[in-house]
Amino acid sequence: MDSGTHFCKQTITTCFVNRAIRKLSFCFLSCLILWLAGLFWFIAKIPKEPTSDSRKTDAIVALTGGSNRLEYGLELLTEGKGSKLFVSGVHDTTTEESMLRHSSGSVREKIASLPADSIVLGHEAENTIGNAEETSRWLKKEGYHSIRLVTANYHMPRSLEEFTHTLPDILIIPEPVFPDFFTLAGWWERGEARNLIFLEYHKFLASKLRHWFVSVTHPA
């Protein structure tokens, strides 16, 4: 093999490698841009203030797993924002009595004047998907068509994604709770807030992809 042929082969190999590197770099940068755009879109969907929608709904649905969700759901019930409060994802050993111990005295007094079946506990759900499915079964049983959904503000986008997918014919009014440990202001500077947003964002993307896959493989 003469030196000219060897040089040509080296040149071809180098060009191929460089072309492959450029394509991989382009793909990586494109994915990064899409990921960042999606992240900021997701953050924009996180509620920053309480809902202003004062319409009464058939029921209030509170998701367990975070601070102040139950207390806020009880407050909405006593304010007449819904006829019943459904608490989804309750531990098997939790009862209504033990749950009410964590509420304020004024709320307990108001609850005592409500019908005995105003609070319903759901013990089957173990995650947000289960919350939506458990709530769907209960709403069908009750014949309800509208709810106020109570969960943490950072959890609301994913909750709405699951609930609107599972309950397409139900009116859902978001009722975000604002935990003391989480604020959007300067979230990128605080590890706890940053990690929580990244976690919720990726779970939200997984929900979107799962619903898209189901719609493609099992069209209505």
Foldseek 3Di string as FASTA:
>chain_A
DDPVVVVVVVVVVVVVVVVVVVVVVVVVVVVVVVLVVLLVVLVVQQDDDFDPDQAAFAEAEFEDDDPPRVQVRLVCCLVRSHQAYEYEQDAPPDDPVNVCVPYDPVSVVSVVPHDPRRYHYHHPDDDLLSSLVSVVVVCVVVVTAEYEYEDASLQVLQSCLNNCLSRVRHHYHYGHDHDPVEDPVVQVVDPVSVVSSVVNSVVSVVSVVVSVVCCVVPPD
